[in-house]
């Protein structure tokens, strides 16, 4: 690389370190060490998107308008590919986010609601649609906050509504009725939009510099086998609360 780019060893070392910080390469030591290109993780993509959107006026309506367009197609497209392992993960997610059957914290239940959609995404064969929906889901986990005065009853009501929709979606998916799944998801997204606005949901803008975010376990697709890999958990699939770590920069208000 030194000869190819006609630069010093120190310059190569600094550039590789910069790429490593960005999550684009991994550096190994030893005689055969060096930089290896790696797949960019969703965390890093979210960070870049988060930094970009920090200076944009993105609202809850914007986020859920995108969900209303994409989630029904994602869910319907996943139906033919759902396995018993997927269904087991979906049922587990429902039991974790249903206030009537779970003792989990209400905020944790809201995060678990989103895991249900990640499981559906894992089964969808369209990589671009899957990536887009997972990115939106991660934004919801990390960036959407609710008003401090939101009554627990509202969280419980929201959780019960979500659990009911999720049960109906699973039932239709087991019947391999993709069109019914699409219809239910449209209604679910419309209901969720109203609920989040009723609960004073808002986007918490944060600019994160060179930091990795903590993501919750979930079902993901194995790149090598194209088979679902169910994330292990204790009581809920979202025992780890996703939080962004690193340097937080406050947005400068315009004069």
C-alpha atoms as a PDB file:
ATOM      1  CA  UNK A   1       0.000   0.000   0.000  1.00  0.00           C
ATOM      2  CA  UNK A   2       2.905   2.315   0.690  1.00  0.00           C
ATOM      3  CA  UNK A   3       4.246   1.755  -2.816  1.00  0.00           C
ATOM      4  CA  UNK A   4       0.837   1.899  -4.441  1.00  0.00           C
ATOM      5  CA  UNK A   5      -0.148   5.212  -2.865  1.00  0.00           C
ATOM      6  CA  UNK A   6       3.387   6.554  -2.436  1.00  0.00           C
ATOM      7  CA  UNK A   7       2.915   7.467   1.220  1.00  0.00           C
ATOM      8  CA  UNK A   8       4.737   6.707   4.450  1.00  0.00           C
ATOM      9  CA  UNK A   9       4.044   3.797   6.787  1.00  0.00           C
ATOM     10  CA  UNK A  10       2.742   6.266   9.381  1.00  0.00           C
ATOM     11  CA  UNK A  11       0.186   7.646   6.933  1.00  0.00           C
ATOM     12  CA  UNK A  12      -1.037   4.143   6.083  1.00  0.00           C
ATOM     13  CA  UNK A  13      -1.301   3.318   9.780  1.00  0.00           C
ATOM     14  CA  UNK A  14      -3.332   6.467  10.508  1.00  0.00           C
ATOM     15  CA  UNK A  15      -5.647   5.887   7.551  1.00  0.00           C
ATOM     16  CA  UNK A  16      -6.279   2.274   8.521  1.00  0.00           C
ATOM     17  CA  UNK A  17      -7.024   3.360  12.078  1.00  0.00           C
ATOM     18  CA  UNK A  18      -9.518   5.900  10.750  1.00  0.00           C
ATOM     19  CA  UNK A  19     -11.236   3.201   8.685  1.00  0.00           C
ATOM     20  CA  UNK A  20     -11.274   0.912  11.719  1.00  0.00           C
ATOM     21  CA  UNK A  21     -12.954   3.591  13.840  1.00  0.00           C
ATOM     22  CA  UNK A  22     -15.593   3.949  11.139  1.00  0.00           C
ATOM     23  CA  UNK A  23     -16.252   0.210  11.293  1.00  0.00           C
ATOM     24  CA  UNK A  24     -15.109  -0.380   7.720  1.00  0.00           C
ATOM     25  CA  UNK A  25     -12.062  -2.573   8.418  1.00  0.00           C
ATOM     26  CA  UNK A  26     -10.581  -4.658  11.200  1.00  0.00           C
ATOM     27  CA  UNK A  27      -6.875  -4.512  12.023  1.00  0.00           C
ATOM     28  CA  UNK A  28      -4.905  -7.627  12.967  1.00  0.00           C
ATOM     29  CA  UNK A  29      -1.315  -7.775  14.177  1.00  0.00           C
ATOM     30  CA  UNK A  30       1.517 -10.166  13.448  1.00  0.00           C
ATOM     31  CA  UNK A  31       3.531 -11.106  10.354  1.00  0.00           C
ATOM     32  CA  UNK A  32       0.411 -11.680   8.265  1.00  0.00           C
ATOM     33  CA  UNK A  33      -1.587  -8.897   9.899  1.00  0.00           C
ATOM     34  CA  UNK A  34      -3.126  -5.862   8.301  1.00  0.00           C
ATOM     35  CA  UNK A  35      -6.492  -4.427   7.413  1.00  0.00           C
ATOM     36  CA  UNK A  36      -9.462  -6.575   6.432  1.00  0.00           C
ATOM     37  CA  UNK A  37     -12.611  -5.124   4.898  1.00  0.00           C
ATOM     38  CA  UNK A  38     -15.688  -6.053   6.934  1.00  0.00           C
ATOM     39  CA  UNK A  39     -19.425  -5.761   6.473  1.00  0.00           C
ATOM     40  CA  UNK A  40     -20.699  -2.436   7.793  1.00  0.00           C
ATOM     41  CA  UNK A  41     -22.967  -3.190  10.786  1.00  0.00           C
ATOM     42  CA  UNK A  42     -26.429  -1.709  11.160  1.00  0.00           C
ATOM     43  CA  UNK A  43     -25.212   0.138  14.259  1.00  0.00           C
ATOM     44  CA  UNK A  44     -22.721   2.137  12.244  1.00  0.00           C
ATOM     45  CA  UNK A  45     -25.245   2.900   9.524  1.00  0.00           C
ATOM     46  CA  UNK A  46     -27.677   4.114  12.158  1.00  0.00           C
ATOM     47  CA  UNK A  47     -25.021   6.358  13.625  1.00  0.00           C
ATOM     48  CA  UNK A  48     -24.382   8.027  10.272  1.00  0.00           C
ATOM     49  CA  UNK A  49     -28.115   8.374   9.652  1.00  0.00           C
ATOM     50  CA  UNK A  50     -28.588   9.733  13.157  1.00  0.00           C
ATOM     51  CA  UNK A  51     -25.918  12.373  12.630  1.00  0.00           C
ATOM     52  CA  UNK A  52     -27.425  13.349   9.291  1.00  0.00           C
ATOM     53  CA  UNK A  53     -30.971  13.615  10.632  1.00  0.00           C
ATOM     54  CA  UNK A  54     -29.805  15.620  13.648  1.00  0.00           C
ATOM     55  CA  UNK A  55     -29.910  18.748  11.499  1.00  0.00           C
ATOM     56  CA  UNK A  56     -33.214  17.853   9.818  1.00  0.00           C
ATOM     57  CA  UNK A  57     -36.706  18.473  11.121  1.00  0.00           C
ATOM     58  CA  UNK A  58     -37.879  14.864  11.289  1.00  0.00           C
ATOM     59  CA  UNK A  59     -41.137  14.268  13.137  1.00  0.00           C
ATOM     60  CA  UNK A  60     -43.025  11.290  14.496  1.00  0.00           C
ATOM     61  CA  UNK A  61     -45.402  11.671  11.559  1.00  0.00           C
ATOM     62  CA  UNK A  62     -42.470  11.324   9.156  1.00  0.00           C
ATOM     63  CA  UNK A  63     -41.210   8.150  10.815  1.00  0.00           C
ATOM     64  CA  UNK A  64     -44.595   6.479  10.956  1.00  0.00           C
ATOM     65  CA  UNK A  65     -45.505   7.541   7.418  1.00  0.00           C
ATOM     66  CA  UNK A  66     -42.500   5.524   6.270  1.00  0.00           C
ATOM     67  CA  UNK A  67     -43.512   2.600   8.483  1.00  0.00           C
ATOM     68  CA  UNK A  68     -47.023   2.689   7.052  1.00  0.00           C
ATOM     69  CA  UNK A  69     -45.598   2.361   3.546  1.00  0.00           C
ATOM     70  CA  UNK A  70     -42.968  -0.288   4.247  1.00  0.00           C
ATOM     71  CA  UNK A  71     -44.092  -2.517   7.121  1.00  0.00           C
ATOM     72  CA  UNK A  72     -47.163  -3.983   5.351  1.00  0.00           C
ATOM     73  CA  UNK A  73     -45.039  -4.998   2.358  1.00  0.00           C
ATOM     74  CA  UNK A  74     -42.282  -6.316   4.594  1.00  0.00           C
ATOM     75  CA  UNK A  75     -44.694  -8.476   6.580  1.00  0.00           C
ATOM     76  CA  UNK A  76     -46.581  -9.755   3.537  1.00  0.00           C
ATOM     77  CA  UNK A  77     -43.338 -10.591   1.760  1.00  0.00           C
ATOM     78  CA  UNK A  78     -42.092 -12.529   4.772  1.00  0.00           C
ATOM     79  CA  UNK A  79     -45.119 -14.828   5.001  1.00  0.00           C
ATOM     80  CA  UNK A  80     -43.938 -17.585   2.605  1.00  0.00           C
ATOM     81  CA  UNK A  81     -40.558 -17.745   4.340  1.00  0.00           C
ATOM     82  CA  UNK A  82     -41.615 -17.873   7.985  1.00  0.00           C
ATOM     83  CA  UNK A  83     -40.463 -21.049   9.726  1.00  0.00           C
ATOM     84  CA  UNK A  84     -41.475 -22.562  13.041  1.00  0.00           C
ATOM     85  CA  UNK A  85     -38.383 -20.951  14.521  1.00  0.00           C
ATOM     86  CA  UNK A  86     -39.640 -17.560  13.375  1.00  0.00           C
ATOM     87  CA  UNK A  87     -43.102 -18.263  14.749  1.00  0.00           C
ATOM     88  CA  UNK A  88     -41.641 -19.306  18.098  1.00  0.00           C
ATOM     89  CA  UNK A  89     -39.708 -16.041  18.255  1.00  0.00           C
ATOM     90  CA  UNK A  90     -42.809 -14.051  17.294  1.00  0.00           C
ATOM     91  CA  UNK A  91     -44.898 -15.748  19.984  1.00  0.00           C
ATOM     92  CA  UNK A  92     -42.181 -15.113  22.556  1.00  0.00           C
ATOM     93  CA  UNK A  93     -42.058 -11.449  21.597  1.00  0.00           C
ATOM     94  CA  UNK A  94     -45.817 -11.144  22.021  1.00  0.00           C
ATOM     95  CA  UNK A  95     -45.700 -12.703  25.480  1.00  0.00           C
ATOM     96  CA  UNK A  96     -42.958 -10.267  26.498  1.00  0.00           C
ATOM     97  CA  UNK A  97     -44.706  -7.107  25.317  1.00  0.00           C
ATOM     98  CA  UNK A  98     -48.236  -7.960  26.441  1.00  0.00           C
ATOM     99  CA  UNK A  99     -48.918  -6.099  29.731  1.00  0.00           C
ATOM    100  CA  UNK A 100     -51.434  -8.740  30.777  1.00  0.00           C
ATOM    101  CA  UNK A 101     -48.926 -11.601  30.604  1.00  0.00           C
ATOM    102  CA  UNK A 102     -45.579  -9.970  31.318  1.00  0.00           C
ATOM    103  CA  UNK A 103     -44.048  -8.334  34.370  1.00  0.00           C
ATOM    104  CA  UNK A 104     -41.503  -6.433  32.302  1.00  0.00           C
ATOM    105  CA  UNK A 105     -41.148  -2.677  32.650  1.00  0.00           C
ATOM    106  CA  UNK A 106     -43.603  -0.842  30.402  1.00  0.00           C
ATOM    107  CA  UNK A 107     -40.827   0.958  28.527  1.00  0.00           C
ATOM    108  CA  UNK A 108     -39.085  -2.371  27.975  1.00  0.00           C
ATOM    109  CA  UNK A 109     -42.338  -3.697  26.585  1.00  0.00           C
ATOM    110  CA  UNK A 110     -42.468  -0.846  24.079  1.00  0.00           C
ATOM    111  CA  UNK A 111     -38.998  -1.779  22.898  1.00  0.00           C
ATOM    112  CA  UNK A 112     -40.043  -5.410  22.626  1.00  0.00           C
ATOM    113  CA  UNK A 113     -42.925  -4.332  20.389  1.00  0.00           C
ATOM    114  CA  UNK A 114     -40.344  -3.319  17.792  1.00  0.00           C
ATOM    115  CA  UNK A 115     -38.503  -6.649  18.065  1.00  0.00           C
ATOM    116  CA  UNK A 116     -41.602  -8.325  16.654  1.00  0.00           C
ATOM    117  CA  UNK A 117     -41.096  -6.360  13.450  1.00  0.00           C
ATOM    118  CA  UNK A 118     -37.398  -7.248  13.330  1.00  0.00           C
ATOM    119  CA  UNK A 119     -38.320 -10.930  13.397  1.00  0.00           C
ATOM    120  CA  UNK A 120     -40.571 -10.433  10.381  1.00  0.00           C
ATOM    121  CA  UNK A 121     -37.779  -8.503   8.695  1.00  0.00           C
ATOM    122  CA  UNK A 122     -35.400 -11.422   9.246  1.00  0.00           C
ATOM    123  CA  UNK A 123     -37.678 -13.651   7.180  1.00  0.00           C
ATOM    124  CA  UNK A 124     -38.148 -11.246   4.273  1.00  0.00           C
ATOM    125  CA  UNK A 125     -35.863 -12.124   1.324  1.00  0.00           C
ATOM    126  CA  UNK A 126     -35.562  -8.525   0.077  1.00  0.00           C
ATOM    127  CA  UNK A 127     -32.287  -7.277   1.603  1.00  0.00           C
ATOM    128  CA  UNK A 128     -32.918  -3.607   0.870  1.00  0.00           C
ATOM    129  CA  UNK A 129     -36.435  -3.615   2.318  1.00  0.00           C
ATOM    130  CA  UNK A 130     -35.197  -5.596   5.312  1.00  0.00           C
ATOM    131  CA  UNK A 131     -32.343  -3.159   5.919  1.00  0.00           C
ATOM    132  CA  UNK A 132     -34.586  -0.095   5.624  1.00  0.00           C
ATOM    133  CA  UNK A 133     -37.161  -1.429   8.075  1.00  0.00           C
ATOM    134  CA  UNK A 134     -34.499  -2.555  10.550  1.00  0.00           C
ATOM    135  CA  UNK A 135     -32.937   0.893  10.368  1.00  0.00           C
ATOM    136  CA  UNK A 136     -36.272   2.565  11.103  1.00  0.00           C
ATOM    137  CA  UNK A 137     -36.884   0.116  13.946  1.00  0.00           C
ATOM    138  CA  UNK A 138     -33.530   0.931  15.497  1.00  0.00           C
ATOM    139  CA  UNK A 139     -34.285   4.650  15.235  1.00  0.00           C
ATOM    140  CA  UNK A 140     -37.517   4.033  17.117  1.00  0.00           C
ATOM    141  CA  UNK A 141     -35.650   2.187  19.876  1.00  0.00           C
ATOM    142  CA  UNK A 142     -32.944   4.756  20.321  1.00  0.00           C
ATOM    143  CA  UNK A 143     -34.460   8.089  19.368  1.00  0.00           C
ATOM    144  CA  UNK A 144     -38.156   8.117  20.233  1.00  0.00           C
ATOM    145  CA  UNK A 145     -38.993   9.120  23.792  1.00  0.00           C
ATOM    146  CA  UNK A 146     -42.328   9.676  25.504  1.00  0.00           C
ATOM    147  CA  UNK A 147     -43.510  12.507  27.690  1.00  0.00           C
ATOM    148  CA  UNK A 148     -42.643  12.129  31.369  1.00  0.00           C
ATOM    149  CA  UNK A 149     -46.261  12.708  32.286  1.00  0.00           C
ATOM    150  CA  UNK A 150     -47.581   9.948  30.056  1.00  0.00           C
ATOM    151  CA  UNK A 151     -49.760   7.806  32.357  1.00  0.00           C
ATOM    152  CA  UNK A 152     -48.823   4.165  32.781  1.00  0.00           C
ATOM    153  CA  UNK A 153     -52.337   3.361  31.681  1.00  0.00           C
ATOM    154  CA  UNK A 154     -51.516   4.755  28.237  1.00  0.00           C
ATOM    155  CA  UNK A 155     -48.417   2.567  27.962  1.00  0.00           C
ATOM    156  CA  UNK A 156     -50.490  -0.413  29.033  1.00  0.00           C
ATOM    157  CA  UNK A 157     -53.205   0.417  26.525  1.00  0.00           C
ATOM    158  CA  UNK A 158     -50.611   0.774  23.757  1.00  0.00           C
ATOM    159  CA  UNK A 159     -49.025  -2.539  24.713  1.00  0.00           C
ATOM    160  CA  UNK A 160     -52.339  -4.371  24.717  1.00  0.00           C
ATOM    161  CA  UNK A 161     -53.242  -2.949  21.304  1.00  0.00           C
ATOM    162  CA  UNK A 162     -49.880  -3.979  19.873  1.00  0.00           C
ATOM    163  CA  UNK A 163     -50.074  -7.469  21.352  1.00  0.00           C
ATOM    164  CA  UNK A 164     -53.540  -7.977  19.876  1.00  0.00           C
ATOM    165  CA  UNK A 165     -52.430  -6.842  16.431  1.00  0.00           C
ATOM    166  CA  UNK A 166     -49.346  -9.028  16.638  1.00  0.00           C
ATOM    167  CA  UNK A 167     -51.431 -12.093  17.544  1.00  0.00           C
ATOM    168  CA  UNK A 168     -53.741 -11.488  14.590  1.00  0.00           C
ATOM    169  CA  UNK A 169     -50.760 -11.042  12.270  1.00  0.00           C
ATOM    170  CA  UNK A 170     -49.177 -14.298  13.459  1.00  0.00           C
ATOM    171  CA  UNK A 171     -52.469 -16.135  13.027  1.00  0.00           C
ATOM    172  CA  UNK A 172     -52.822 -14.864   9.451  1.00  0.00           C
ATOM    173  CA  UNK A 173     -49.170 -15.625   8.738  1.00  0.00           C
ATOM    174  CA  UNK A 174     -49.570 -19.211   9.959  1.00  0.00           C
ATOM    175  CA  UNK A 175     -52.460 -19.524   7.515  1.00  0.00           C
ATOM    176  CA  UNK A 176     -50.076 -18.198   4.818  1.00  0.00           C
ATOM    177  CA  UNK A 177     -52.547 -15.409   4.059  1.00  0.00           C
ATOM    178  CA  UNK A 178     -50.150 -12.691   2.915  1.00  0.00           C
ATOM    179  CA  UNK A 179     -52.907 -10.298   1.890  1.00  0.00           C
ATOM    180  CA  UNK A 180     -54.544 -10.519   5.312  1.00  0.00           C
ATOM    181  CA  UNK A 181     -51.162  -9.916   6.951  1.00  0.00           C
ATOM    182  CA  UNK A 182     -50.720  -6.825   4.786  1.00  0.00           C
ATOM    183  CA  UNK A 183     -54.157  -5.477   5.770  1.00  0.00           C
ATOM    184  CA  UNK A 184     -53.562  -6.102   9.467  1.00  0.00           C
ATOM    185  CA  UNK A 185     -50.185  -4.395   9.359  1.00  0.00           C
ATOM    186  CA  UNK A 186     -51.686  -1.307   7.719  1.00  0.00           C
ATOM    187  CA  UNK A 187     -54.258  -1.062  10.510  1.00  0.00           C
ATOM    188  CA  UNK A 188     -51.570  -1.762  13.111  1.00  0.00           C
ATOM    189  CA  UNK A 189     -49.328   1.055  11.834  1.00  0.00           C
ATOM    190  CA  UNK A 190     -52.240   3.495  11.743  1.00  0.00           C
ATOM    191  CA  UNK A 191     -53.168   2.594  15.311  1.00  0.00           C
ATOM    192  CA  UNK A 192     -49.543   2.846  16.466  1.00  0.00           C
ATOM    193  CA  UNK A 193     -49.220   6.312  14.944  1.00  0.00           C
ATOM    194  CA  UNK A 194     -52.233   7.559  16.881  1.00  0.00           C
ATOM    195  CA  UNK A 195     -50.999   5.956  20.094  1.00  0.00           C
ATOM    196  CA  UNK A 196     -47.470   7.391  19.913  1.00  0.00           C
ATOM    197  CA  UNK A 197     -48.836  10.886  19.287  1.00  0.00           C
ATOM    198  CA  UNK A 198     -51.344  10.449  22.106  1.00  0.00           C
ATOM    199  CA  UNK A 199     -48.461   9.513  24.405  1.00  0.00           C
ATOM    200  CA  UNK A 200     -46.526  12.659  23.405  1.00  0.00           C
ATOM    201  CA  UNK A 201     -43.854  10.688  21.591  1.00  0.00           C
ATOM    202  CA  UNK A 202     -41.058  12.746  20.081  1.00  0.00           C
ATOM    203  CA  UNK A 203     -37.686  12.256  18.438  1.00  0.00           C
ATOM    204  CA  UNK A 204     -34.739  12.903  20.696  1.00  0.00           C
ATOM    205  CA  UNK A 205     -32.038  14.310  18.429  1.00  0.00           C
ATOM    206  CA  UNK A 206     -28.502  13.286  19.337  1.00  0.00           C
ATOM    207  CA  UNK A 207     -25.262  13.682  17.446  1.00  0.00           C
ATOM    208  CA  UNK A 208     -22.961  10.757  18.209  1.00  0.00           C
ATOM    209  CA  UNK A 209     -19.272  10.934  17.307  1.00  0.00           C
ATOM    210  CA  UNK A 210     -17.225   7.766  16.729  1.00  0.00           C
ATOM    211  CA  UNK A 211     -19.337   5.665  19.076  1.00  0.00           C
ATOM    212  CA  UNK A 212     -20.909   2.257  18.917  1.00  0.00           C
ATOM    213  CA  UNK A 213     -24.495   1.832  20.043  1.00  0.00           C
ATOM    214  CA  UNK A 214     -25.765  -1.029  22.158  1.00  0.00           C
ATOM    215  CA  UNK A 215     -28.443  -2.982  20.392  1.00  0.00           C
ATOM    216  CA  UNK A 216     -30.858  -5.432  21.867  1.00  0.00           C
ATOM    217  CA  UNK A 217     -30.748  -9.129  20.904  1.00  0.00           C
ATOM    218  CA  UNK A 218     -33.121 -10.091  18.140  1.00  0.00           C
ATOM    219  CA  UNK A 219     -33.671 -12.552  15.336  1.00  0.00           C
ATOM    220  CA  UNK A 220     -31.220 -12.022  12.501  1.00  0.00           C
ATOM    221  CA  UNK A 221     -30.535 -13.789   9.230  1.00  0.00           C
ATOM    222  CA  UNK A 222     -27.341 -15.773   8.976  1.00  0.00           C
ATOM    223  CA  UNK A 223     -25.434 -14.486   5.959  1.00  0.00           C
ATOM    224  CA  UNK A 224     -23.786 -17.833   5.289  1.00  0.00           C
ATOM    225  CA  UNK A 225     -26.816 -20.088   5.689  1.00  0.00           C
ATOM    226  CA  UNK A 226     -29.768 -17.750   5.037  1.00  0.00           C
ATOM    227  CA  UNK A 227     -31.443 -19.369   8.027  1.00  0.00           C
ATOM    228  CA  UNK A 228     -33.021 -17.537  10.933  1.00  0.00           C
ATOM    229  CA  UNK A 229     -30.913 -17.239  14.047  1.00  0.00           C
ATOM    230  CA  UNK A 230     -32.999 -16.618  17.147  1.00  0.00           C
ATOM    231  CA  UNK A 231     -31.376 -14.337  19.689  1.00  0.00           C
ATOM    232  CA  UNK A 232     -31.191 -15.907  23.126  1.00  0.00           C
ATOM    233  CA  UNK A 233     -32.740 -14.115  26.067  1.00  0.00           C
ATOM    234  CA  UNK A 234     -34.084 -14.603  29.548  1.00  0.00           C
ATOM    235  CA  UNK A 235     -37.614 -13.308  29.970  1.00  0.00           C
ATOM    236  CA  UNK A 236     -37.649 -10.782  27.146  1.00  0.00           C
ATOM    237  CA  UNK A 237     -35.766 -10.458  23.907  1.00  0.00           C
ATOM    238  CA  UNK A 238     -34.911  -6.888  24.774  1.00  0.00           C
ATOM    239  CA  UNK A 239     -33.285  -7.238  28.178  1.00  0.00           C
ATOM    240  CA  UNK A 240     -30.513  -4.963  26.952  1.00  0.00           C
ATOM    241  CA  UNK A 241     -31.801  -1.439  26.449  1.00  0.00           C
ATOM    242  CA  UNK A 242     -30.269   0.030  23.294  1.00  0.00           C
ATOM    243  CA  UNK A 243     -28.424   3.203  24.167  1.00  0.00           C
ATOM    244  CA  UNK A 244     -25.991   5.307  22.201  1.00  0.00           C
ATOM    245  CA  UNK A 245     -22.646   5.807  23.879  1.00  0.00           C
ATOM    246  CA  UNK A 246     -19.898   8.251  23.156  1.00  0.00           C
ATOM    247  CA  UNK A 247     -19.636  11.991  22.759  1.00  0.00           C
ATOM    248  CA  UNK A 248     -22.977  13.772  22.624  1.00  0.00           C
ATOM    249  CA  UNK A 249     -23.066  17.140  20.913  1.00  0.00           C
ATOM    250  CA  UNK A 250     -25.988  19.451  21.486  1.00  0.00           C
ATOM    251  CA  UNK A 251     -27.562  21.039  18.455  1.00  0.00           C
ATOM    252  CA  UNK A 252     -26.762  24.712  18.109  1.00  0.00           C
ATOM    253  CA  UNK A 253     -29.870  26.824  17.892  1.00  0.00           C
ATOM    254  CA  UNK A 254     -30.032  29.260  15.045  1.00  0.00           C
ATOM    255  CA  UNK A 255     -30.052  32.932  15.923  1.00  0.00           C
END
